[in-house]
Amino acid sequence: MNKKIVLRRRPVGLPEESDFLIVTAPLPKVLSPGEVLVKINWTSIDPAQRVWISGATKSYFPSVPLNEVIRAYSVGIIVSSTVALFKPGTYVSGLLGWQEYCVIDHRRVFKLPSEENTHIYLGVLGLTGLSAYVAVVQLARPLGKEVVVVSSAAGSVGSIACQIAKMKGCRVVGICGSDEKCAWLINELKIDSAINYKKGILAKSISDACPNGIDIYIDNVGGEILDAVLLSIKKYARIVLCGAISGYNMKKSPSLMRYPLVISNSATMIGFIVNDYRHLFVQALKSLSKWISEGKLKYREHILNGLENAPGGLKMLFTGENKGKLIIRVKKEKMRL
């Protein structure tokens, strides 16, 4: 049997555990040609999942239908296959969902280069790290000594973006939501300054930390924080939009009041979907792996045990309780066909 988490109803505001349902279903006894059966070991919690279950009509992925398994990036091991190149025992990643097993076309999974610590391919060596790499290296293109500000700087994408910008010789200022996270950014990641947006007047805190203005802003939040940052951007600033987590739980997206400052400063603002940059993935993964092995790139993971904890983990992501990339260790059970 296959245990999986499906969408019971579309969340209003923060996602609650009651918006989801745990169900079981039999596994197919026979695979169709081209299919593989994957036993999922790890599955990911990502901000984008809130958008995928919202019912939004315009997105890069269609909304998850009611009573269907929650879409999620996962890693696992092939236990049955109809494809010679994907033998049982092969570790793969893909959009396998919040479930214990997944039957999927082999063309929709990717072989992992290592069988050890495979959950890392959901974080720093997965779309999280790739997003940070594309945002900083490809789109922002920092020059030495430029001032880079990163929102949600203690988060999975933001923390990697901060470190890449430091490696490029920039002065880095991180924005996050607690003093503990500020201390971690400064003491562990060695960024130059950190701002707790919950304290004081944010626009003034940003101005004080960046007295000569901001060259690059890596935005993971949107909303009021983006508006506050715009007050300090320099001429020809580059603003890279990675996410807008502040608005994912709202019925109406927050308004951007100070966008005329983008015009008056001849700044550029660009959004992106990381999968549009697949041609960069090989080089990006080489760089990320090298930085990790050299001790230049640090990362944190927040692991929850048991598939049943995935809905609570998604809510945790938006309340800021997590410390690092949220990953679910799926319960291991003997396979029963």
Protein backbone atom coordinates (compact mmCIF):
# COMPACT_ATOMS: atom_id res chain seq x y z
CA MET A 1 0.00 0.00 0.00
CA ASN A 2 1.02 3.58 -0.66
CA LYS A 3 0.45 6.29 1.94
CA LYS A 4 0.08 9.76 0.48
CA ILE A 5 -1.08 13.24 1.42
CA VAL A 6 -3.76 14.81 -0.76
CA LEU A 7 -5.36 18.24 -0.89
CA ARG A 8 -8.64 18.19 1.03
CA ARG A 9 -9.52 21.87 0.49
CA ARG A 10 -7.79 25.03 -0.63
CA PRO A 11 -6.25 26.93 2.29
CA VAL A 12 -7.47 30.36 3.30
CA GLY A 13 -4.55 32.23 4.83
CA LEU A 14 -1.94 30.02 6.46
CA PRO A 15 -2.14 26.36 5.39
CA GLU A 16 -3.52 24.20 8.19
CA GLU A 17 -3.19 20.45 8.71
CA SER A 18 -6.97 20.17 8.23
CA ASP A 19 -6.52 21.34 4.62
CA PHE A 20 -4.85 18.00 3.87
CA LEU A 21 -5.80 14.36 4.17
CA ILE A 22 -3.69 11.22 4.58
CA VAL A 23 -4.96 8.37 2.43
CA THR A 24 -3.71 4.95 1.35
CA ALA A 25 -4.03 3.32 -2.03
CA PRO A 26 -2.79 0.05 -3.54
CA LEU A 27 0.29 0.05 -5.70
CA PRO A 28 -0.04 -1.19 -9.29
CA LYS A 29 0.99 -4.80 -9.74
CA VAL A 30 2.24 -4.15 -13.27
CA LEU A 31 4.06 -1.09 -14.60
CA SER A 32 3.39 0.32 -18.06
CA PRO A 33 6.28 0.50 -20.54
CA GLY A 34 8.65 3.33 -19.66
CA GLU A 35 7.54 3.55 -16.04
CA VAL A 36 9.53 3.14 -12.85
CA LEU A 37 8.37 2.65 -9.27
CA VAL A 38 10.23 4.87 -6.81
CA LYS A 39 10.31 4.40 -3.06
CA ILE A 40 10.55 7.94 -1.69
CA ASN A 41 13.05 8.52 1.11
CA TRP A 42 12.98 12.31 1.37
CA THR A 43 10.49 14.95 0.26
CA SER A 44 10.74 18.71 0.25
CA ILE A 45 8.81 21.60 1.79
CA ASP A 46 8.96 24.71 -0.40
CA PRO A 47 7.19 28.10 -0.47
CA ALA A 48 6.01 27.42 -4.02
CA GLN A 49 3.77 24.63 -2.73
CA ARG A 50 1.52 27.28 -1.17
CA VAL A 51 0.98 28.71 -4.66
CA TRP A 52 0.45 25.27 -6.19
CA ILE A 53 -2.45 24.51 -3.81
CA SER A 54 -4.03 27.97 -3.96
CA GLY A 55 -6.19 27.47 -7.03
CA ALA A 56 -4.37 30.26 -8.88
CA THR A 57 -5.26 30.20 -12.56
CA LYS A 58 -2.01 31.71 -13.81
CA SER A 59 1.18 30.03 -12.71
CA TYR A 60 4.11 28.14 -14.16
CA PHE A 61 2.50 24.94 -12.79
CA PRO A 62 -1.22 24.14 -12.75
CA SER A 63 -2.87 24.07 -9.33
CA VAL A 64 -2.97 20.74 -7.52
CA PRO A 65 -6.54 19.38 -7.95
CA LEU A 66 -8.57 18.57 -4.86
CA ASN A 67 -8.07 15.01 -3.60
CA GLU A 68 -4.81 14.69 -5.52
CA VAL A 69 -1.35 14.15 -4.03
CA ILE A 70 0.56 17.29 -3.09
CA ARG A 71 3.20 18.16 -5.66
CA ALA A 72 6.71 18.09 -4.17
CA TYR A 73 10.30 17.56 -5.14
CA SER A 74 11.53 14.30 -3.65
CA VAL A 75 14.38 11.82 -3.81
CA GLY A 76 14.17 8.07 -3.60
CA ILE A 77 15.30 4.72 -4.90
CA ILE A 78 13.89 2.75 -7.83
CA VAL A 79 12.43 -0.55 -6.64
CA SER A 80 10.88 -1.70 -9.92
CA SER A 81 11.51 -0.65 -13.51
CA THR A 82 10.61 -1.32 -17.12
CA VAL A 83 13.63 0.65 -18.38
CA ALA A 84 17.10 -0.89 -18.67
CA LEU A 85 18.89 2.40 -17.95
CA PHE A 86 16.97 2.85 -14.69
CA LYS A 87 17.63 -0.35 -12.79
CA PRO A 88 16.31 -1.11 -9.30
CA GLY A 89 18.65 0.41 -6.75
CA THR A 90 19.13 3.62 -8.76
CA TYR A 91 18.68 6.82 -6.74
CA VAL A 92 16.63 9.51 -8.48
CA SER A 93 14.97 12.86 -7.88
CA GLY A 94 11.90 14.49 -9.38
CA LEU A 95 8.41 15.78 -8.72
CA LEU A 96 7.37 12.64 -6.88
CA GLY A 97 4.96 14.20 -4.39
CA TRP A 98 4.12 13.79 -0.72
CA GLN A 99 3.80 10.02 -0.73
CA GLU A 100 5.75 6.88 0.07
CA TYR A 101 5.87 5.50 -3.47
CA CYS A 102 5.49 7.02 -6.92
CA VAL A 103 4.91 5.43 -10.32
CA ILE A 104 6.35 7.80 -12.88
CA ASP A 105 7.67 7.92 -16.44
CA HIS A 106 11.46 7.49 -16.37
CA ARG A 107 11.88 10.67 -18.44
CA ARG A 108 10.58 12.71 -15.51
CA VAL A 109 13.22 11.63 -12.99
CA PHE A 110 16.93 12.37 -12.78
CA LYS A 111 19.69 10.05 -11.65
CA LEU A 112 21.59 11.28 -8.61
CA PRO A 113 25.39 11.34 -8.79
CA SER A 114 25.74 9.93 -5.27
CA GLU A 115 23.94 7.42 -3.07
CA GLU A 116 25.01 9.15 0.15
CA ASN A 117 23.20 12.04 1.85
CA THR A 118 20.70 12.13 -0.99
CA HIS A 119 18.53 14.70 0.79
CA ILE A 120 21.17 17.31 -0.07
CA TYR A 121 19.71 17.24 -3.60
CA LEU A 122 16.54 18.81 -2.21
CA GLY A 123 18.50 21.69 -0.71
CA VAL A 124 21.87 23.21 -1.40
CA LEU A 125 22.50 20.88 -4.37
CA GLY A 126 18.88 21.03 -5.50
CA LEU A 127 16.60 23.78 -6.73
CA THR A 128 17.30 25.77 -3.55
CA GLY A 129 21.00 26.13 -4.27
CA LEU A 130 20.42 26.44 -8.00
CA SER A 131 17.96 29.29 -7.44
CA ALA A 132 20.49 31.20 -5.34
CA TYR A 133 23.23 30.58 -7.91
CA VAL A 134 21.13 31.77 -10.86
CA ALA A 135 19.91 34.82 -8.94
CA VAL A 136 23.36 36.01 -7.93
CA VAL A 137 25.77 34.74 -10.57
CA GLN A 138 23.66 34.84 -13.73
CA LEU A 139 21.14 37.63 -13.12
CA ALA A 140 22.63 40.03 -10.56
CA ARG A 141 26.22 39.61 -11.82
CA PRO A 142 27.88 41.30 -8.82
CA LEU A 143 31.09 43.26 -9.13
CA GLY A 144 33.59 43.41 -6.29
CA LYS A 145 32.75 45.76 -3.40
CA GLU A 146 29.14 46.29 -4.48
CA VAL A 147 26.46 46.40 -1.78
CA VAL A 148 24.11 43.42 -1.89
CA VAL A 149 20.96 43.14 0.24
CA VAL A 150 19.17 39.79 0.61
CA SER A 151 15.72 39.31 2.16
CA SER A 152 14.78 36.12 4.00
CA ALA A 153 18.54 35.94 4.36
CA ALA A 154 18.49 33.11 6.90
CA GLY A 155 16.24 31.00 4.66
CA SER A 156 17.39 28.20 2.41
CA VAL A 157 17.78 30.30 -0.76
CA GLY A 158 18.70 33.56 0.94
CA SER A 159 21.51 32.11 3.05
CA ILE A 160 23.18 30.59 -0.01
CA ALA A 161 22.74 33.83 -1.98
CA CYS A 162 24.42 35.75 0.86
CA GLN A 163 27.46 33.48 0.80
CA ILE A 164 27.83 33.54 -2.98
CA ALA A 165 27.71 37.34 -2.93
CA LYS A 166 30.41 37.39 -0.24
CA MET A 167 32.57 35.09 -2.34
CA LYS A 168 32.20 37.60 -5.17
CA GLY A 169 33.75 40.27 -2.95
CA CYS A 170 30.58 42.19 -2.11
CA ARG A 171 29.39 43.84 1.08
CA VAL A 172 26.34 41.82 2.11
CA VAL A 173 23.41 42.90 4.27
CA GLY A 174 20.80 40.31 5.24
CA ILE A 175 17.20 40.91 6.30
CA CYS A 176 15.53 38.29 8.51
CA GLY A 177 12.95 37.91 11.27
CA SER A 178 14.77 37.34 14.57
CA ASP A 179 17.85 38.33 16.53
CA GLU A 180 18.94 34.68 16.60
CA LYS A 181 18.90 34.55 12.80
CA CYS A 182 20.78 37.85 12.61
CA ALA A 183 23.48 36.44 14.89
CA TRP A 184 23.75 33.29 12.77
CA LEU A 185 24.14 35.30 9.58
CA ILE A 186 26.92 37.43 11.04
CA ASN A 187 28.75 34.86 13.17
CA GLU A 188 28.42 31.77 10.97
CA LEU A 189 27.97 33.04 7.42
CA LYS A 190 30.20 36.07 8.00
CA ILE A 191 28.00 38.59 6.23
CA ASP A 192 28.65 42.24 7.01
CA SER A 193 25.36 43.28 8.60
CA ALA A 194 21.96 41.80 9.45
CA ILE A 195 18.60 43.49 10.06
CA ASN A 196 15.68 42.14 12.09
CA TYR A 197 12.75 43.57 10.14
CA LYS A 198 10.46 43.13 13.15
CA LYS A 199 12.39 45.77 15.09
CA GLY A 200 12.35 49.52 14.52
CA ILE A 201 11.57 51.25 11.23
CA LEU A 202 12.76 48.97 8.45
CA ALA A 203 13.47 51.67 5.87
CA LYS A 204 15.72 53.50 8.36
CA SER A 205 17.48 50.28 9.37
CA ILE A 206 18.23 49.57 5.72
CA SER A 207 19.45 53.13 5.13
CA ASP A 208 21.70 52.94 8.20
CA ALA A 209 23.18 49.61 7.06
CA CYS A 210 23.63 50.85 3.48
CA PRO A 211 24.53 54.56 3.80
CA ASN A 212 25.86 54.72 0.24
CA GLY A 213 22.91 52.87 -1.27
CA ILE A 214 22.18 49.39 -2.61
CA ASP A 215 23.61 48.00 -5.85
CA ILE A 216 21.86 44.62 -5.82
CA TYR A 217 18.77 43.34 -4.05
CA ILE A 218 17.96 39.62 -3.97
CA ASP A 219 14.27 39.48 -3.02
CA ASN A 220 12.63 36.39 -1.56
CA VAL A 221 9.79 38.19 0.19
CA GLY A 222 8.18 41.00 -1.80
CA GLY A 223 5.59 43.26 -0.16
CA GLU A 224 6.59 45.86 2.43
CA ILE A 225 10.21 44.72 2.60
CA LEU A 226 10.68 45.20 -1.14
CA ASP A 227 9.05 48.63 -0.84
CA ALA A 228 11.42 49.60 1.99
CA VAL A 229 14.49 48.46 0.06
CA LEU A 230 13.54 50.55 -2.98
CA LEU A 231 14.08 53.71 -0.92
CA SER A 232 17.81 52.94 -0.78
CA ILE A 233 18.59 51.63 -4.27
CA LYS A 234 21.35 53.31 -6.26
CA LYS A 235 21.39 54.38 -9.87
CA TYR A 236 21.35 51.30 -12.15
CA ALA A 237 20.58 48.94 -9.26
CA ARG A 238 19.71 45.33 -10.11
CA ILE A 239 16.74 43.74 -8.36
CA VAL A 240 16.28 39.98 -8.72
CA LEU A 241 12.93 38.53 -7.68
CA CYS A 242 13.30 34.95 -6.40
CA GLY A 243 10.02 34.75 -4.49
CA ALA A 244 7.25 36.71 -2.80
CA ILE A 245 6.55 34.67 0.30
CA SER A 246 4.93 37.59 2.13
CA GLY A 247 1.93 37.45 -0.20
CA TYR A 248 1.44 33.72 -0.68
CA ASN A 249 -1.17 33.45 2.09
CA MET A 250 -3.11 36.59 1.14
CA LYS A 251 -6.28 36.73 -0.94
CA LYS A 252 -4.93 39.87 -2.62
CA SER A 253 -1.25 40.39 -3.37
CA PRO A 254 0.36 43.32 -1.54
CA SER A 255 0.73 46.49 -3.61
CA LEU A 256 4.14 47.81 -4.58
CA MET A 257 3.92 51.51 -3.74
CA ARG A 258 7.43 52.70 -4.55
CA TYR A 259 8.00 51.13 -7.97
CA PRO A 260 8.53 54.63 -9.53
CA LEU A 261 11.94 54.52 -7.81
CA VAL A 262 12.88 51.71 -10.20
CA ILE A 263 12.22 54.09 -13.08
CA SER A 264 13.90 57.16 -11.61
CA ASN A 265 17.03 55.16 -10.75
CA SER A 266 17.20 53.42 -14.13
CA ALA A 267 17.17 50.18 -12.17
CA THR A 268 16.32 46.76 -13.52
CA MET A 269 13.91 44.33 -11.88
CA ILE A 270 13.73 40.76 -13.12
CA GLY A 271 11.87 37.69 -11.96
CA PHE A 272 12.76 34.13 -12.91
CA ILE A 273 11.83 30.47 -12.67
CA VAL A 274 14.93 28.41 -12.03
CA ASN A 275 13.95 25.62 -14.43
CA ASP A 276 14.30 28.12 -17.28
CA TYR A 277 18.04 28.03 -16.62
CA ARG A 278 18.66 24.30 -16.93
CA HIS A 279 21.56 25.00 -19.27
CA LEU A 280 23.43 26.40 -16.26
CA PHE A 281 22.74 23.53 -13.87
CA VAL A 282 25.87 21.46 -14.59
CA GLN A 283 28.22 24.37 -13.99
CA ALA A 284 26.17 25.58 -11.02
CA LEU A 285 26.31 22.19 -9.30
CA LYS A 286 30.05 21.96 -9.91
CA SER A 287 30.54 25.36 -8.29
CA LEU A 288 28.22 24.67 -5.36
CA SER A 289 29.85 21.28 -4.69
CA LYS A 290 33.33 22.81 -4.86
CA TRP A 291 32.41 25.58 -2.42
CA ILE A 292 30.95 23.05 0.02
CA SER A 293 34.05 20.83 -0.13
CA GLU A 294 36.28 23.87 0.43
CA GLY A 295 34.25 24.93 3.46
CA LYS A 296 33.20 28.18 1.80
CA LEU A 297 29.49 27.38 1.60
CA LYS A 298 27.52 26.47 4.72
CA TYR A 299 23.93 25.32 4.90
CA ARG A 300 21.35 24.33 7.48
CA GLU A 301 18.66 21.67 7.20
CA HIS A 302 15.54 21.37 9.33
CA ILE A 303 14.46 17.74 9.09
CA LEU A 304 11.06 16.48 10.22
CA ASN A 305 10.49 12.75 10.66
CA GLY A 306 7.47 11.13 9.05
CA LEU A 307 5.38 11.95 6.00
CA GLU A 308 2.46 12.89 8.24
CA ASN A 309 4.42 15.95 9.41
CA ALA A 310 4.59 17.50 5.94
CA PRO A 311 1.45 19.69 6.30
CA GLY A 312 2.68 21.07 9.62
CA GLY A 313 6.05 21.67 8.03
CA LEU A 314 4.48 23.78 5.30
CA LYS A 315 2.82 26.02 7.88
CA MET A 316 6.11 26.24 9.80
CA LEU A 317 7.74 27.62 6.68
CA PHE A 318 5.45 30.66 6.75
CA THR A 319 5.58 31.28 10.50
CA GLY A 320 9.38 31.32 10.44
CA GLU A 321 9.81 28.51 12.96
CA ASN A 322 12.18 26.51 10.77
CA LYS A 323 15.93 26.89 10.92
CA GLY A 324 17.19 25.90 7.51
CA LYS A 325 15.88 24.02 4.52
CA LEU A 326 12.76 22.04 5.49
CA ILE A 327 12.92 18.39 4.46
CA ILE A 328 10.71 15.45 5.41
CA ARG A 329 12.25 12.07 6.13
CA VAL A 330 9.56 9.73 4.80
CA LYS A 331 8.78 6.78 7.05
CA LYS A 332 10.51 3.63 5.89
CA GLU A 333 8.33 0.58 5.50
CA LYS A 334 8.70 -2.75 3.78
CA MET A 335 7.25 -2.62 0.31
CA ARG A 336 3.97 -4.45 -0.22
CA LEU A 337 2.66 -4.93 -3.74
